[in-house]
Protein backbone atom coordinates (compact mmCIF):
# COMPACT_ATOMS: atom_id res chain seq x y z
CA MET A 1 19.20 -11.05 -15.13
CA GLY A 2 18.32 -13.57 -17.93
CA ASP A 3 19.43 -11.80 -20.96
CA LYS A 4 21.22 -9.12 -22.28
CA LYS A 5 18.12 -7.63 -23.33
CA ASP A 6 16.69 -8.11 -20.17
CA GLN A 7 19.84 -6.36 -18.79
CA GLU A 8 19.66 -3.50 -21.22
CA THR A 9 15.99 -2.90 -19.88
CA LEU A 10 16.90 -2.31 -16.34
CA ILE A 11 19.71 -0.33 -16.93
CA TYR A 12 17.37 1.94 -19.62
CA THR A 13 14.88 2.16 -16.66
CA CYS A 14 17.18 3.07 -13.90
CA GLN A 15 18.97 5.85 -16.07
CA LEU A 16 15.40 7.32 -16.71
CA ASP A 17 15.31 9.14 -13.20
CA PRO A 18 18.45 11.23 -12.95
CA ARG A 19 18.11 10.66 -9.08
CA TYR A 20 18.95 6.69 -9.60
CA GLN A 21 21.88 7.33 -12.11
CA ILE A 22 23.42 9.39 -9.32
CA LEU A 23 22.92 6.76 -6.83
CA MET A 24 24.14 4.22 -9.38
CA THR A 25 27.09 6.18 -10.22
CA ALA A 26 27.85 6.59 -6.30
CA PHE A 27 27.58 3.19 -5.61
CA GLN A 28 29.95 2.18 -8.43
CA GLN A 29 32.76 4.80 -7.08
CA VAL A 30 32.10 3.83 -3.65
CA VAL A 31 31.88 -0.38 -3.81
CA GLN A 32 33.98 -0.86 -7.24
CA ARG A 33 32.30 -3.98 -8.07
CA GLU A 34 32.00 -5.73 -11.54
CA ASN A 35 28.72 -6.92 -10.84
CA ASP A 36 26.40 -4.16 -9.83
CA ASP A 37 22.92 -6.06 -10.60
CA PRO A 38 22.04 -6.27 -6.92
CA VAL A 39 22.33 -2.51 -6.80
CA ARG A 40 20.70 -1.78 -10.26
CA THR A 41 17.58 -4.00 -8.97
CA TYR A 42 17.62 -2.64 -5.92
CA LEU A 43 16.89 0.73 -7.56
CA LEU A 44 14.26 -0.36 -9.69
CA ILE A 45 12.69 -1.80 -7.46
CA LEU A 46 12.74 1.33 -5.20
CA HIS A 47 11.31 3.47 -8.39
CA ILE A 48 8.62 1.27 -9.18
CA SER A 49 7.80 1.33 -5.96
CA ARG A 50 7.76 4.90 -5.58
CA LYS A 51 5.65 5.31 -8.38
CA LEU A 52 3.13 2.53 -7.29
CA LEU A 53 2.95 4.37 -3.84
CA ALA A 54 2.17 7.83 -5.78
CA GLU A 55 -0.61 6.25 -7.65
CA GLU A 56 -1.94 4.71 -4.46
CA GLN A 57 -2.03 8.18 -2.76
CA ALA A 58 -3.67 9.63 -5.65
CA LEU A 59 -6.09 7.44 -5.50
CA PHE A 60 -6.87 7.77 -2.05
CA ASP A 61 -6.73 11.57 -2.20
CA ARG A 62 -9.34 11.37 -5.13
CA HIS A 63 -11.82 9.89 -2.47
CA ASN A 64 -10.43 11.81 0.42
CA LEU A 65 -9.14 8.67 2.10
CA SER A 66 -5.97 7.41 3.63
CA GLU A 67 -4.49 3.87 4.02
CA GLY A 68 -5.57 4.66 7.50
CA LYS A 69 -9.16 5.51 6.54
CA LEU A 70 -9.64 2.41 4.20
CA SER A 71 -8.61 0.26 6.86
CA VAL A 72 -11.64 1.82 9.44
CA LEU A 73 -14.19 1.59 6.34
CA LEU A 74 -12.91 -2.28 5.10
CA LEU A 75 -13.35 -3.12 9.20
CA LEU A 76 -17.12 -1.34 9.35
CA ARG A 77 -18.12 -3.11 6.04
CA ASN A 78 -17.48 -6.71 7.95
CA ALA A 79 -18.83 -5.82 11.36
CA PRO A 80 -21.74 -7.24 12.82
CA GLN A 81 -24.62 -4.21 11.78
CA LYS A 82 -21.70 -2.27 10.12
CA GLN A 83 -20.57 -1.16 13.35
CA LEU A 84 -17.55 -0.82 16.10
CA SER A 85 -16.51 1.00 18.65
CA PRO A 86 -13.24 3.16 18.17
CA SER A 87 -11.45 1.12 20.47
CA GLU A 88 -12.47 -2.02 18.80
CA ILE A 89 -11.58 -0.17 15.59
CA ALA A 90 -8.35 1.04 17.17
CA GLU A 91 -7.42 -2.30 18.50
CA ALA A 92 -7.98 -4.23 15.62
CA THR A 93 -5.94 -1.68 13.16
CA GLN A 94 -3.10 -1.51 15.85
CA VAL A 95 -3.46 2.27 16.06
CA THR A 96 -3.86 4.66 19.29
CA ARG A 97 -7.04 5.83 20.43
CA GLY A 98 -5.98 9.05 19.63
CA THR A 99 -5.25 8.34 16.37
CA MET A 100 -8.53 6.54 15.87
CA THR A 101 -10.04 9.74 16.63
CA GLY A 102 -8.58 11.77 14.20
CA LEU A 103 -9.33 9.05 11.61
CA VAL A 104 -13.15 8.94 12.47
CA ALA A 105 -13.50 12.69 12.71
CA GLY A 106 -12.27 12.97 8.98
CA LEU A 107 -14.64 10.13 7.71
CA VAL A 108 -17.64 11.46 9.79
CA ARG A 109 -17.16 14.78 8.25
CA ASP A 110 -16.94 12.75 4.66
CA ALA A 111 -20.33 11.27 5.69
CA TYR A 112 -18.71 7.80 5.18
CA VAL A 113 -19.61 7.04 8.93
CA VAL A 114 -21.36 8.35 11.63
CA ARG A 115 -21.43 8.36 15.65
CA GLY A 116 -24.07 6.34 17.22
CA LYS A 117 -24.48 5.78 20.66
CA ASP A 118 -23.53 2.79 22.47
CA PRO A 119 -27.03 1.17 23.57
CA ASN A 120 -25.20 -0.86 26.31
CA ASP A 121 -23.36 2.62 27.73
CA GLY A 122 -24.47 5.94 27.25
CA ARG A 123 -21.17 7.77 27.56
CA ARG A 124 -19.89 5.71 24.82
CA TYR A 125 -20.33 5.96 20.87
CA ARG A 126 -20.15 3.45 18.21
CA VAL A 127 -18.88 4.23 14.96
CA GLN A 128 -21.79 3.02 11.78
CA LEU A 129 -20.74 2.84 8.16
CA THR A 130 -22.93 4.81 5.94
CA GLU A 131 -24.40 3.97 2.53
CA ARG A 132 -21.79 6.40 1.24
CA GLY A 133 -18.96 5.18 2.50
CA SER A 134 -19.97 1.73 1.57
CA ASP A 135 -19.88 3.02 -1.91
CA VAL A 136 -16.83 4.82 -2.21
CA ILE A 137 -15.15 0.99 -1.03
CA ASP A 138 -16.72 -0.52 -3.85
CA GLN A 139 -15.82 2.33 -6.29
CA LEU A 140 -12.04 2.89 -5.09
CA LEU A 141 -11.47 -1.44 -4.87
CA LEU A 142 -13.05 -1.35 -8.74
CA GLU A 143 -11.06 1.12 -9.76
CA ARG A 144 -7.89 -0.13 -7.91
CA SER A 145 -8.64 -3.69 -9.18
CA ARG A 146 -9.29 -2.67 -13.17
CA HIS A 147 -5.54 -0.67 -13.13
CA ILE A 148 -4.00 -3.64 -11.53
CA GLU A 149 -5.37 -5.98 -14.22
CA LYS A 150 -4.05 -3.59 -16.79
CA LEU A 151 -0.91 -2.92 -15.37
CA PHE A 152 -0.33 -6.73 -15.09
CA ALA A 153 -2.05 -8.08 -18.27
CA CYS A 154 1.53 -7.89 -19.99
CA PHE A 155 2.50 -10.58 -18.12
CA THR A 156 1.45 -14.48 -18.53
CA PRO A 157 0.54 -16.35 -15.54
CA SER A 158 3.59 -18.14 -15.14
CA GLU A 159 5.33 -14.99 -15.14
CA LEU A 160 3.32 -13.50 -12.63
CA ALA A 161 3.96 -16.84 -10.23
CA THR A 162 7.84 -16.30 -10.74
CA GLN A 163 7.58 -12.54 -9.55
CA CYS A 164 5.21 -13.23 -7.34
CA ALA A 165 7.46 -16.00 -5.48
CA LEU A 166 10.70 -13.98 -6.21
CA ILE A 167 9.07 -10.86 -4.62
CA GLU A 168 8.12 -13.58 -1.35
CA LYS A 169 11.98 -14.61 -1.71
CA LEU A 170 12.99 -10.56 -1.13
CA ASN A 171 10.59 -10.29 1.41
CA HIS A 172 11.41 -13.22 3.36
CA GLN A 173 15.26 -12.03 3.05
CA LEU A 174 14.27 -8.89 4.69
CA ALA A 175 12.26 -10.25 7.32
CA ARG A 176 15.34 -12.42 8.26
CA GLU A 177 17.96 -8.83 8.05
CA ALA A 178 15.22 -7.30 10.41
CA ALA A 179 14.91 -9.84 12.89
CA PRO A 180 17.32 -9.87 15.83
CA ASP A 181 20.39 -11.69 16.04
């Protein structure tokens, strides 16, 4: 961290949630290092990630969606005639056909998609995006976009670029650690 005020902010944020304070104390007792900035930073990222995931889930819940269902809707939106077969969607989203059956059933129930016969094979069906499904995508993306803009409004373009670079660096490090030796 750069200056003392930034460090105090980080410490304060981690102390706001007792779970993180307990973890921090445990790390300090076991690891016994003078510089615990990496642990504090990790706990802060964890704290913020959980908040962001909770916000995302609340948004999905308001629209009776999930990340998987949204992926299906977005694929259909960009598909020719806004329709695909369930196996095409499963392959594109890298889920099993069984999982796709459940996702499609939920989307049909909410009238975000409809099932229609495949003109080339009467035993198969196609999944087509409805106007209601298209509208919910627009509404969700606009709502999310406004929230993201508001959330990051306190940062200058330079600060955002620096944050992005640092997060990409951390992501690269995670990928390196996850890679087999």
